[in-house]
Protein backbone atom coordinates (compact mmCIF):
# COMPACT_ATOMS: atom_id res chain seq x y z
CA MET A 1 0.13 -0.07 0.02
CA VAL A 2 1.22 3.30 -1.00
CA THR A 3 0.29 7.03 -0.24
CA GLY A 4 1.04 10.12 -2.07
CA ASP A 5 1.03 13.99 -0.68
CA ASN A 6 1.85 15.48 -4.04
CA TYR A 7 1.25 15.51 -8.03
CA ALA A 8 5.25 14.16 -7.97
CA THR A 9 4.65 11.88 -5.85
CA ALA A 10 1.84 10.60 -6.81
CA THR A 11 3.28 10.28 -10.75
CA ALA A 12 6.92 8.69 -9.24
CA ILE A 13 3.65 6.30 -7.47
CA ALA A 14 2.10 5.53 -10.60
CA LYS A 15 5.01 4.77 -12.39
CA TYR A 16 6.06 2.17 -9.36
CA VAL A 17 2.21 0.95 -9.86
CA GLY A 18 3.34 0.07 -13.79
CA ILE A 19 6.27 -1.29 -12.35
CA HIS A 20 4.98 -3.81 -10.32
CA GLU A 21 2.50 -4.70 -12.27
CA MET A 22 4.47 -5.77 -14.81
CA LYS A 23 6.07 -7.90 -12.06
CA GLY A 24 3.20 -9.38 -11.71
CA THR A 25 2.04 -7.94 -8.61
CA THR A 26 -1.06 -6.26 -6.51
CA VAL A 27 -0.82 -2.68 -6.14
CA GLU A 28 -2.82 -1.31 -3.73
CA MET A 29 -3.51 3.09 -4.31
CA VAL A 30 -4.54 4.79 -0.99
CA GLY A 31 -5.52 8.66 -1.13
CA ASP A 32 -7.43 11.72 -0.48
CA TYR A 33 -7.33 14.15 -2.80
CA ILE A 34 -6.89 14.70 -6.56
CA ASN A 35 -2.88 15.13 -6.71
CA ASP A 36 -3.60 10.72 -6.13
CA LEU A 37 -5.39 10.87 -9.03
CA PRO A 38 -2.51 9.17 -11.24
CA ALA A 39 -1.51 6.49 -9.01
CA LEU A 40 -5.13 6.12 -8.13
CA ALA A 41 -6.00 5.19 -12.08
CA ALA A 42 -2.78 3.10 -12.03
CA ALA A 43 -3.23 0.79 -9.25
CA ASP A 44 -4.95 -2.43 -9.22
CA VAL A 45 -7.17 -0.77 -5.81
CA GLY A 46 -7.57 2.20 -5.76
CA LEU A 47 -9.10 3.53 -2.50
CA THR A 48 -9.81 7.54 -1.82
CA ILE A 49 -10.63 7.93 1.69
CA GLY A 50 -13.48 11.25 1.90
CA ALA A 51 -15.42 12.85 -0.70
CA TRP A 52 -13.79 15.74 -1.35
CA THR A 53 -13.47 15.36 -4.79
CA TYR A 54 -15.87 14.07 -7.09
CA VAL A 55 -12.98 13.62 -9.91
CA ALA A 56 -11.10 10.96 -6.83
CA ILE A 57 -14.93 9.53 -6.05
CA GLU A 58 -15.03 8.44 -10.03
CA ILE A 59 -11.54 7.08 -10.22
CA ALA A 60 -11.32 5.26 -7.15
CA ASP A 61 -12.71 1.28 -6.86
CA ILE A 62 -13.58 1.91 -3.58
CA VAL A 63 -15.17 5.01 -1.47
CA LEU A 64 -14.80 5.29 2.13
CA ILE A 65 -17.26 7.90 3.64
CA LYS A 66 -14.86 8.74 6.89
CA SER A 67 -11.70 10.42 6.90
CA ASN A 68 -10.07 7.08 9.40
CA LEU A 69 -7.44 5.00 7.64
CA GLU A 70 -9.02 2.67 9.92
CA ASP A 71 -11.74 2.11 7.58
CA VAL A 72 -8.86 0.92 4.90
CA ILE A 73 -7.74 -2.02 7.25
CA THR A 74 -11.72 -2.97 7.66
CA ALA A 75 -12.58 -2.61 3.83
CA MET A 76 -9.97 -4.87 3.00
CA ASP A 77 -11.29 -7.93 5.94
CA LEU A 78 -14.47 -7.60 4.16
CA SER A 79 -13.63 -7.92 0.80
CA ARG A 80 -11.45 -10.87 2.02
CA LYS A 81 -14.32 -12.33 3.84
CA THR A 82 -16.61 -11.33 1.09
CA ILE A 83 -14.64 -13.55 -1.29
CA SER A 84 -14.46 -15.98 0.29
CA ARG A 85 -18.15 -16.51 0.68
CA ILE A 86 -18.42 -16.07 -2.83
CA ARG A 87 -15.69 -19.29 -3.63
CA LEU A 88 -18.33 -21.29 -0.90
CA ASN A 89 -21.42 -20.41 -2.35
CA TYR A 90 -20.10 -21.23 -5.79
CA ILE A 91 -19.21 -24.91 -4.46
CA TRP A 92 -22.15 -25.28 -2.62
CA ALA A 93 -24.19 -24.01 -5.16
CA LEU A 94 -22.16 -26.14 -8.12
CA GLY A 95 -22.90 -29.23 -6.05
CA TYR A 96 -26.76 -28.82 -5.57
CA ASN A 97 -26.74 -28.66 -9.37
CA ILE A 98 -24.74 -31.27 -9.95
CA LEU A 99 -26.95 -33.39 -7.75
CA GLY A 100 -30.18 -31.86 -9.32
CA MET A 101 -29.22 -32.47 -12.75
CA LEU A 102 -28.07 -36.33 -11.42
CA ILE A 103 -32.20 -36.70 -10.23
CA ILE A 104 -33.23 -35.36 -12.81
CA ALA A 105 -31.60 -37.54 -15.30
CA GLY A 106 -32.77 -40.58 -13.17
CA ILE A 107 -30.62 -41.65 -11.48
CA LEU A 108 -32.45 -42.95 -8.74
CA PHE A 109 -35.40 -44.64 -11.01
CA PRO A 110 -34.07 -47.76 -10.53
CA PHE A 111 -34.23 -47.63 -6.45
CA ILE A 112 -37.68 -46.78 -6.19
């Protein structure tokens, strides 16, 4: 996770993000104002803190309303739990559908 305070820093961070994307790593950028826009746009996941500018809201992937850095950690934990729940639900739905297709195909017919 990287943060920037001025336009030059944000531009350097955007180049840093580009280098890490070539390496195959994931980069998350947390910014709060218009000077962070190049890095927010270049990052894999862009988070903006506070609703200060509409441009940052449009570019960022996640917008945190309160200006609290602890909410970034909460958002990351929530996203991990959401993805794990989606995967678990996918597995259960796949098993349920396979079982349903077997029943409809008549697999239980000899036992009735």
